[in-house]
Amino acid sequence: MNTNDLLILNFEEVRRRSIAIWTSIPEESLDFQPDPEAMSCQEMIRHVIEAEYLYHQILKNHGSAFLTNVHNPYESRVFTTVKEELEFAMPYRKEFLNYVKSLSNEDLSNIKIDRSDAGYIRSLGDMLLRIAYHESVHAGQLLDYLRTAGVDRAKMWD
């Protein structure tokens, strides 16, 4: 297995587990939030899917300075169902994974992504790992939400 294969495997595994969690949330619980300051379940799902799209734009442009000018297809989209969100996101997800597949080891090490707005500049490889970690963190948050709400949680530890 090469580096790209491992990155893709990680992205696919993280998403597989996220989908298991997302699709296990009863429709009547999608608006649950543990406190008024927290995102709801559906807001968190949207946040993760939208963030992957925005991260992809950041990676392609080697930084986040331009994000104010990028078209965001999620910006005016109203959340419907988890299934419809996943279907809407699929072309963007495929584009992102194809981008990752196209990278060389030199790209992963040598291309720098300027996130000075967030306080750091990292290599492209580092950023890809951060993107997967971001989704993983939110998967854990949703599991906690479901526990707090008294909702059965998906068995995702296979």
N, C-alpha and C. Protein backbone atom coordinates (compact mmCIF):
# COMPACT_ATOMS: atom_id res chain seq x y z
N MET A 1 0.84 -1.19 0.00
CA MET A 1 0.00 0.00 0.00
C MET A 1 0.88 1.24 0.00
N ASN A 2 0.53 2.20 -0.85
CA ASN A 2 1.31 3.43 -0.87
C ASN A 2 0.62 4.49 0.00
N THR A 3 1.25 5.65 0.08
CA THR A 3 0.75 6.73 0.94
C THR A 3 -0.67 7.14 0.56
N ASN A 4 -0.91 7.30 -0.74
CA ASN A 4 -2.25 7.72 -1.18
C ASN A 4 -3.31 6.69 -0.81
N ASP A 5 -2.96 5.41 -0.98
CA ASP A 5 -3.90 4.34 -0.62
C ASP A 5 -4.27 4.42 0.86
N LEU A 6 -3.28 4.68 1.69
CA LEU A 6 -3.53 4.78 3.13
C LEU A 6 -4.38 6.00 3.46
N LEU A 7 -4.10 7.12 2.80
CA LEU A 7 -4.92 8.31 3.03
C LEU A 7 -6.37 8.06 2.62
N ILE A 8 -6.58 7.46 1.46
CA ILE A 8 -7.93 7.17 0.98
C ILE A 8 -8.61 6.18 1.92
N LEU A 9 -7.90 5.15 2.33
CA LEU A 9 -8.47 4.18 3.27
C LEU A 9 -8.92 4.88 4.55
N ASN A 10 -8.10 5.79 5.05
CA ASN A 10 -8.46 6.51 6.27
C ASN A 10 -9.70 7.38 6.05
N PHE A 11 -9.74 8.13 4.94
CA PHE A 11 -10.91 8.96 4.66
C PHE A 11 -12.18 8.10 4.51
N GLU A 12 -12.06 6.99 3.82
CA GLU A 12 -13.23 6.14 3.61
C GLU A 12 -13.69 5.48 4.91
N GLU A 13 -12.74 5.08 5.73
CA GLU A 13 -13.10 4.44 7.00
C GLU A 13 -13.75 5.44 7.96
N VAL A 14 -13.19 6.63 8.04
CA VAL A 14 -13.79 7.66 8.90
C VAL A 14 -15.21 7.96 8.42
N ARG A 15 -15.40 8.12 7.10
CA ARG A 15 -16.73 8.44 6.58
C ARG A 15 -17.70 7.27 6.79
N ARG A 16 -17.22 6.05 6.62
CA ARG A 16 -18.08 4.87 6.83
C ARG A 16 -18.65 4.89 8.25
N ARG A 17 -17.79 5.19 9.20
CA ARG A 17 -18.24 5.22 10.60
C ARG A 17 -19.15 6.42 10.86
N SER A 18 -18.83 7.56 10.25
CA SER A 18 -19.71 8.73 10.39
C SER A 18 -21.09 8.42 9.85
N ILE A 19 -21.15 7.81 8.68
CA ILE A 19 -22.44 7.48 8.08
C ILE A 19 -23.22 6.51 8.97
N ALA A 20 -22.53 5.57 9.58
CA ALA A 20 -23.21 4.65 10.50
C ALA A 20 -23.87 5.42 11.64
N ILE A 21 -23.18 6.42 12.14
CA ILE A 21 -23.73 7.25 13.22
C ILE A 21 -24.86 8.12 12.68
N TRP A 22 -24.60 8.83 11.60
CA TRP A 22 -25.58 9.77 11.05
C TRP A 22 -26.90 9.09 10.71
N THR A 23 -26.80 7.93 10.07
CA THR A 23 -28.03 7.26 9.63
C THR A 23 -28.75 6.56 10.77
N SER A 24 -28.10 6.45 11.91
CA SER A 24 -28.77 5.82 13.06
C SER A 24 -29.56 6.83 13.90
N ILE A 25 -29.40 8.11 13.60
CA ILE A 25 -30.09 9.14 14.37
C ILE A 25 -31.55 9.19 13.93
N PRO A 26 -32.48 8.95 14.85
CA PRO A 26 -33.89 9.05 14.47
C PRO A 26 -34.21 10.46 13.98
N GLU A 27 -35.08 10.55 12.99
CA GLU A 27 -35.42 11.84 12.40
C GLU A 27 -35.84 12.85 13.46
N GLU A 28 -36.58 12.39 14.46
CA GLU A 28 -37.06 13.31 15.50
C GLU A 28 -35.94 13.79 16.43
N SER A 29 -34.76 13.19 16.31
CA SER A 29 -33.63 13.60 17.14
C SER A 29 -32.61 14.46 16.39
N LEU A 30 -32.81 14.69 15.12
CA LEU A 30 -31.84 15.46 14.33
C LEU A 30 -31.70 16.90 14.82
N ASP A 31 -32.73 17.43 15.46
CA ASP A 31 -32.66 18.80 15.98
C ASP A 31 -32.09 18.86 17.40
N PHE A 32 -31.77 17.71 17.99
CA PHE A 32 -31.27 17.69 19.36
C PHE A 32 -29.93 18.42 19.45
N GLN A 33 -29.81 19.23 20.50
CA GLN A 33 -28.54 19.85 20.85
C GLN A 33 -28.46 19.83 22.37
N PRO A 34 -27.28 19.50 22.91
CA PRO A 34 -27.17 19.36 24.37
C PRO A 34 -27.35 20.66 25.14
N ASP A 35 -27.10 21.78 24.49
CA ASP A 35 -27.32 23.08 25.11
C ASP A 35 -27.53 24.10 23.99
N PRO A 36 -28.05 25.27 24.32
CA PRO A 36 -28.38 26.25 23.28
C PRO A 36 -27.19 26.75 22.46
N GLU A 37 -25.99 26.62 22.98
CA GLU A 37 -24.79 27.09 22.28
C GLU A 37 -24.24 26.03 21.31
N ALA A 38 -24.66 24.80 21.46
CA ALA A 38 -24.12 23.69 20.66
C ALA A 38 -24.83 23.57 19.32
N MET A 39 -24.13 22.96 18.36
CA MET A 39 -24.78 22.63 17.10
C MET A 39 -25.78 21.51 17.35
N SER A 40 -26.83 21.46 16.56
CA SER A 40 -27.74 20.32 16.60
C SER A 40 -27.09 19.17 15.84
N CYS A 41 -27.67 17.99 15.93
CA CYS A 41 -27.14 16.84 15.20
C CYS A 41 -27.08 17.14 13.71
N GLN A 42 -28.16 17.68 13.16
CA GLN A 42 -28.17 17.95 11.72
C GLN A 42 -27.19 19.05 11.36
N GLU A 43 -27.02 20.04 12.22
CA GLU A 43 -26.04 21.09 11.95
C GLU A 43 -24.62 20.52 11.94
N MET A 44 -24.36 19.56 12.83
CA MET A 44 -23.04 18.97 12.88
C MET A 44 -22.77 18.11 11.64
N ILE A 45 -23.78 17.38 11.20
CA ILE A 45 -23.62 16.58 9.97
C ILE A 45 -23.31 17.51 8.81
N ARG A 46 -24.09 18.56 8.67
CA ARG A 46 -23.86 19.53 7.60
C ARG A 46 -22.47 20.16 7.73
N HIS A 47 -22.09 20.50 8.94
CA HIS A 47 -20.78 21.11 9.20
C HIS A 47 -19.66 20.20 8.68
N VAL A 48 -19.73 18.93 8.96
CA VAL A 48 -18.69 17.99 8.53
C VAL A 48 -18.65 17.88 7.01
N ILE A 49 -19.81 17.73 6.39
CA ILE A 49 -19.86 17.58 4.94
C ILE A 49 -19.41 18.86 4.25
N GLU A 50 -19.89 19.99 4.73
CA GLU A 50 -19.51 21.27 4.16
C GLU A 50 -18.02 21.56 4.37
N ALA A 51 -17.52 21.23 5.55
CA ALA A 51 -16.11 21.48 5.86
C ALA A 51 -15.20 20.71 4.91
N GLU A 52 -15.58 19.48 4.55
CA GLU A 52 -14.75 18.73 3.61
C GLU A 52 -14.65 19.47 2.28
N TYR A 53 -15.78 19.99 1.81
CA TYR A 53 -15.78 20.77 0.57
C TYR A 53 -14.87 22.00 0.70
N LEU A 54 -15.02 22.73 1.79
CA LEU A 54 -14.22 23.94 1.98
C LEU A 54 -12.74 23.62 2.16
N TYR A 55 -12.44 22.56 2.91
CA TYR A 55 -11.05 22.15 3.03
C TYR A 55 -10.45 21.82 1.67
N HIS A 56 -11.24 21.15 0.83
CA HIS A 56 -10.75 20.82 -0.51
C HIS A 56 -10.38 22.10 -1.27
N GLN A 57 -11.22 23.12 -1.16
CA GLN A 57 -10.93 24.39 -1.83
C GLN A 57 -9.64 25.00 -1.27
N ILE A 58 -9.47 24.92 0.03
CA ILE A 58 -8.25 25.43 0.68
C ILE A 58 -7.02 24.69 0.15
N LEU A 59 -7.11 23.37 0.07
CA LEU A 59 -5.97 22.58 -0.40
C LEU A 59 -5.61 22.91 -1.85
N LYS A 60 -6.62 23.00 -2.69
CA LYS A 60 -6.36 23.28 -4.12
C LYS A 60 -5.70 24.64 -4.30
N ASN A 61 -5.99 25.57 -3.41
CA ASN A 61 -5.46 26.93 -3.53
C ASN A 61 -4.31 27.22 -2.56
N HIS A 62 -3.86 26.17 -1.87
CA HIS A 62 -2.71 26.25 -0.96
C HIS A 62 -2.92 27.23 0.19
N GLY A 63 -4.17 27.50 0.52
CA GLY A 63 -4.43 28.38 1.65
C GLY A 63 -5.88 28.82 1.71
N SER A 64 -6.23 29.46 2.79
CA SER A 64 -7.62 29.83 3.02
C SER A 64 -7.92 31.30 2.78
N ALA A 65 -6.92 32.07 2.35
CA ALA A 65 -7.13 33.51 2.18
C ALA A 65 -8.22 33.84 1.17
N PHE A 66 -8.40 32.99 0.16
CA PHE A 66 -9.36 33.27 -0.90
C PHE A 66 -10.78 32.85 -0.58
N LEU A 67 -11.03 32.16 0.52
CA LEU A 67 -12.33 31.54 0.78
C LEU A 67 -13.51 32.50 0.71
N THR A 68 -13.29 33.76 0.90
CA THR A 68 -14.40 34.72 0.84
C THR A 68 -14.96 34.82 -0.58
N ASN A 69 -14.19 34.42 -1.58
CA ASN A 69 -14.62 34.52 -2.97
C ASN A 69 -15.07 33.19 -3.57
N VAL A 70 -15.00 32.11 -2.83
CA VAL A 70 -15.33 30.80 -3.38
C VAL A 70 -16.84 30.55 -3.30
N HIS A 71 -17.37 29.91 -4.34
CA HIS A 71 -18.77 29.50 -4.32
C HIS A 71 -18.91 28.33 -3.35
N ASN A 72 -19.84 28.43 -2.43
CA ASN A 72 -20.10 27.37 -1.47
C ASN A 72 -21.50 26.80 -1.75
N PRO A 73 -21.58 25.61 -2.34
CA PRO A 73 -22.87 25.05 -2.70
C PRO A 73 -23.76 24.73 -1.50
N TYR A 74 -23.19 24.73 -0.32
CA TYR A 74 -23.96 24.41 0.89
C TYR A 74 -24.56 25.65 1.54
N GLU A 75 -24.05 26.81 1.17
CA GLU A 75 -24.40 28.05 1.86
C GLU A 75 -25.91 28.31 1.93
N SER A 76 -26.60 28.12 0.84
CA SER A 76 -28.04 28.42 0.85
C SER A 76 -28.90 27.15 0.86
N ARG A 77 -28.25 26.01 0.95
CA ARG A 77 -28.96 24.73 0.92
C ARG A 77 -29.58 24.45 2.30
N VAL A 78 -30.84 24.07 2.32
CA VAL A 78 -31.54 23.72 3.55
C VAL A 78 -31.37 22.23 3.80
N PHE A 79 -31.03 21.88 5.03
CA PHE A 79 -30.87 20.47 5.39
C PHE A 79 -32.20 19.77 5.21
N THR A 80 -32.17 18.61 4.58
CA THR A 80 -33.40 17.84 4.37
C THR A 80 -33.33 16.56 5.20
N THR A 81 -32.75 15.52 4.64
CA THR A 81 -32.55 14.27 5.37
C THR A 81 -31.08 13.89 5.26
N VAL A 82 -30.64 12.99 6.11
CA VAL A 82 -29.25 12.54 6.05
C VAL A 82 -28.98 11.93 4.68
N LYS A 83 -29.89 11.11 4.20
CA LYS A 83 -29.72 10.46 2.89
C LYS A 83 -29.56 11.50 1.79
N GLU A 84 -30.41 12.51 1.78
CA GLU A 84 -30.33 13.55 0.75
C GLU A 84 -29.05 14.38 0.89
N GLU A 85 -28.62 14.63 2.11
CA GLU A 85 -27.36 15.35 2.31
C GLU A 85 -26.20 14.56 1.73
N LEU A 86 -26.19 13.26 1.98
CA LEU A 86 -25.11 12.41 1.47
C LEU A 86 -25.13 12.34 -0.05
N GLU A 87 -26.33 12.26 -0.63
CA GLU A 87 -26.44 12.23 -2.09
C GLU A 87 -25.96 13.54 -2.70
N PHE A 88 -26.34 14.65 -2.08
CA PHE A 88 -25.90 15.96 -2.58
C PHE A 88 -24.37 16.09 -2.50
N ALA A 89 -23.79 15.56 -1.43
CA ALA A 89 -22.35 15.69 -1.20
C ALA A 89 -21.52 14.73 -2.06
N MET A 90 -22.13 13.69 -2.58
CA MET A 90 -21.36 12.64 -3.27
C MET A 90 -20.45 13.16 -4.39
N PRO A 91 -20.91 14.01 -5.28
CA PRO A 91 -19.99 14.47 -6.34
C PRO A 91 -18.80 15.25 -5.77
N TYR A 92 -19.02 16.02 -4.73
CA TYR A 92 -17.94 16.78 -4.11
C TYR A 92 -16.98 15.84 -3.38
N ARG A 93 -17.53 14.82 -2.76
CA ARG A 93 -16.71 13.81 -2.08
C ARG A 93 -15.82 13.08 -3.09
N LYS A 94 -16.40 12.67 -4.21
CA LYS A 94 -15.63 11.97 -5.25
C LYS A 94 -14.51 12.87 -5.77
N GLU A 95 -14.83 14.13 -6.00
CA GLU A 95 -13.83 15.08 -6.48
C GLU A 95 -12.69 15.21 -5.48
N PHE A 96 -13.03 15.28 -4.19
CA PHE A 96 -12.02 15.39 -3.14
C PHE A 96 -11.13 14.14 -3.11
N LEU A 97 -11.74 12.96 -3.13
CA LEU A 97 -10.96 11.73 -3.08
C LEU A 97 -10.09 11.57 -4.33
N ASN A 98 -10.59 11.98 -5.49
CA ASN A 98 -9.78 11.94 -6.71
C ASN A 98 -8.59 12.89 -6.60
N TYR A 99 -8.81 14.02 -5.97
CA TYR A 99 -7.72 14.96 -5.72
C TYR A 99 -6.64 14.29 -4.86
N VAL A 100 -7.06 13.64 -3.79
CA VAL A 100 -6.10 12.98 -2.90
C VAL A 100 -5.35 11.89 -3.66
N LYS A 101 -6.06 11.13 -4.47
CA LYS A 101 -5.42 10.06 -5.25
C LYS A 101 -4.37 10.60 -6.22
N SER A 102 -4.55 11.82 -6.68
CA SER A 102 -3.65 12.40 -7.69
C SER A 102 -2.34 12.94 -7.10
N LEU A 103 -2.24 13.02 -5.80
CA LEU A 103 -1.08 13.65 -5.17
C LEU A 103 0.14 12.73 -5.15
N SER A 104 1.30 13.33 -5.30
CA SER A 104 2.55 12.57 -5.18
C SER A 104 3.08 12.70 -3.75
N ASN A 105 4.03 11.85 -3.41
CA ASN A 105 4.66 11.95 -2.09
C ASN A 105 5.34 13.30 -1.93
N GLU A 106 5.89 13.82 -3.02
CA GLU A 106 6.53 15.13 -2.97
C GLU A 106 5.49 16.22 -2.68
N ASP A 107 4.31 16.11 -3.30
CA ASP A 107 3.23 17.06 -3.03
C ASP A 107 2.89 17.04 -1.54
N LEU A 108 2.73 15.86 -0.99
CA LEU A 108 2.32 15.72 0.40
C LEU A 108 3.31 16.37 1.36
N SER A 109 4.59 16.30 1.00
CA SER A 109 5.64 16.86 1.86
C SER A 109 5.94 18.31 1.57
N ASN A 110 5.96 18.68 0.30
CA ASN A 110 6.49 19.98 -0.09
C ASN A 110 5.46 21.09 -0.24
N ILE A 111 4.22 20.76 -0.58
CA ILE A 111 3.21 21.80 -0.71
C ILE A 111 2.81 22.26 0.67
N LYS A 112 2.85 23.55 0.87
CA LYS A 112 2.46 24.14 2.16
C LYS A 112 1.08 24.77 2.03
N ILE A 113 0.25 24.55 3.04
CA ILE A 113 -1.09 25.10 3.08
C ILE A 113 -1.10 26.20 4.14
N ASP A 114 -1.37 27.41 3.69
CA ASP A 114 -1.33 28.58 4.56
C ASP A 114 -2.68 28.80 5.22
N ARG A 115 -2.76 28.45 6.49
CA ARG A 115 -3.95 28.72 7.30
C ARG A 115 -3.58 29.73 8.37
N SER A 116 -2.89 30.78 7.95
CA SER A 116 -2.50 31.84 8.90
C SER A 116 -3.72 32.39 9.62
N ASP A 117 -4.87 32.38 8.94
CA ASP A 117 -6.11 32.83 9.58
C ASP A 117 -6.46 31.97 10.79
N ALA A 118 -6.03 30.72 10.79
CA ALA A 118 -6.27 29.81 11.91
C ALA A 118 -5.01 29.64 12.76
N GLY A 119 -3.93 30.29 12.37
CA GLY A 119 -2.72 30.29 13.19
C GLY A 119 -1.67 29.26 12.81
N TYR A 120 -1.71 28.73 11.58
CA TYR A 120 -0.70 27.74 11.23
C TYR A 120 -0.51 27.65 9.71
N ILE A 121 0.65 27.12 9.35
CA ILE A 121 0.98 26.72 7.99
C ILE A 121 1.49 25.29 8.10
N ARG A 122 0.90 24.38 7.33
CA ARG A 122 1.25 22.96 7.44
C ARG A 122 1.47 22.37 6.05
N SER A 123 2.11 21.22 6.02
CA SER A 123 2.27 20.51 4.75
C SER A 123 0.92 19.96 4.32
N LEU A 124 0.79 19.68 3.04
CA LEU A 124 -0.44 19.12 2.49
C LEU A 124 -0.77 17.79 3.16
N GLY A 125 0.22 16.95 3.37
CA GLY A 125 -0.02 15.66 4.04
C GLY A 125 -0.57 15.85 5.44
N ASP A 126 -0.01 16.78 6.17
CA ASP A 126 -0.50 17.09 7.52
C ASP A 126 -1.94 17.55 7.47
N MET A 127 -2.24 18.43 6.51
CA MET A 127 -3.61 18.95 6.40
C MET A 127 -4.62 17.84 6.10
N LEU A 128 -4.24 16.90 5.25
CA LEU A 128 -5.15 15.79 4.94
C LEU A 128 -5.48 14.99 6.20
N LEU A 129 -4.49 14.76 7.02
CA LEU A 129 -4.74 14.04 8.28
C LEU A 129 -5.62 14.86 9.21
N ARG A 130 -5.44 16.16 9.23
CA ARG A 130 -6.27 17.05 10.05
C ARG A 130 -7.74 17.02 9.60
N ILE A 131 -7.96 16.92 8.29
CA ILE A 131 -9.32 16.89 7.77
C ILE A 131 -10.03 15.63 8.25
N ALA A 132 -9.37 14.49 8.17
CA ALA A 132 -9.98 13.25 8.65
C ALA A 132 -10.19 13.31 10.17
N TYR A 133 -9.25 13.89 10.87
CA TYR A 133 -9.38 14.01 12.32
C TYR A 133 -10.57 14.90 12.69
N HIS A 134 -10.77 15.97 11.95
CA HIS A 134 -11.90 16.87 12.19
C HIS A 134 -13.21 16.09 12.16
N GLU A 135 -13.37 15.27 11.12
CA GLU A 135 -14.60 14.47 11.02
C GLU A 135 -14.70 13.47 12.16
N SER A 136 -13.59 12.87 12.54
CA SER A 136 -13.60 11.89 13.64
C SER A 136 -14.02 12.51 14.96
N VAL A 137 -13.52 13.72 15.22
CA VAL A 137 -13.89 14.42 16.45
C VAL A 137 -15.39 14.63 16.49
N HIS A 138 -15.97 15.07 15.37
CA HIS A 138 -17.41 15.32 15.35
C HIS A 138 -18.21 14.02 15.45
N ALA A 139 -17.65 12.92 14.96
CA ALA A 139 -18.32 11.62 15.15
C ALA A 139 -18.42 11.31 16.65
N GLY A 140 -17.34 11.55 17.36
CA GLY A 140 -17.37 11.33 18.81
C GLY A 140 -18.34 12.27 19.51
N GLN A 141 -18.40 13.51 19.07
CA GLN A 141 -19.37 14.44 19.66
C GLN A 141 -20.79 13.95 19.45
N LEU A 142 -21.09 13.47 18.25
CA LEU A 142 -22.45 13.00 17.98
C LEU A 142 -22.78 11.77 18.82
N LEU A 143 -21.81 10.91 19.04
CA LEU A 143 -22.07 9.76 19.92
C LEU A 143 -22.41 10.24 21.32
N ASP A 144 -21.72 11.27 21.80
CA ASP A 144 -22.04 11.83 23.10
C ASP A 144 -23.42 12.47 23.11
N TYR A 145 -23.76 13.19 22.05
CA TYR A 145 -25.10 13.77 21.92
C TYR A 145 -26.16 12.68 22.07
N LEU A 146 -25.96 11.59 21.34
CA LEU A 146 -26.96 10.52 21.35
C LEU A 146 -27.07 9.88 22.73
N ARG A 147 -25.95 9.72 23.40
CA ARG A 147 -25.98 9.20 24.77
C ARG A 147 -26.76 10.16 25.67
N THR A 148 -26.48 11.44 25.56
CA THR A 148 -27.16 12.45 26.36
C THR A 148 -28.66 12.47 26.10
N ALA A 149 -29.03 12.29 24.83
CA ALA A 149 -30.45 12.31 24.44
C ALA A 149 -31.15 10.98 24.75
N GLY A 150 -30.39 9.98 25.19
CA GLY A 150 -30.99 8.68 25.48
C GLY A 150 -31.36 7.91 24.22
N VAL A 151 -30.65 8.18 23.13
CA VAL A 151 -30.91 7.52 21.85
C VAL A 151 -29.89 6.39 21.67
N ASP A 152 -30.36 5.25 21.17
CA ASP A 152 -29.44 4.15 20.89
C ASP A 152 -28.38 4.60 19.90
N ARG A 153 -27.16 4.17 20.15
CA ARG A 153 -26.05 4.54 19.29
C ARG A 153 -25.65 3.38 18.37
N ALA A 154 -25.23 3.73 17.18
CA ALA A 154 -24.78 2.71 16.21
C ALA A 154 -23.57 1.98 16.77
N LYS A 155 -23.50 0.70 16.46
CA LYS A 155 -22.32 -0.08 16.83
C LYS A 155 -21.28 0.12 15.73
N MET A 156 -20.36 0.99 16.01
CA MET A 156 -19.39 1.36 14.98
C MET A 156 -17.99 0.83 15.22
N TRP A 157 -17.81 0.10 16.29
CA TRP A 157 -16.48 -0.39 16.64
C TRP A 157 -16.30 -1.82 16.15
N ASP A 158 -16.37 -2.01 14.85
CA ASP A 158 -16.20 -3.36 14.29
C ASP A 158 -14.76 -3.67 13.99
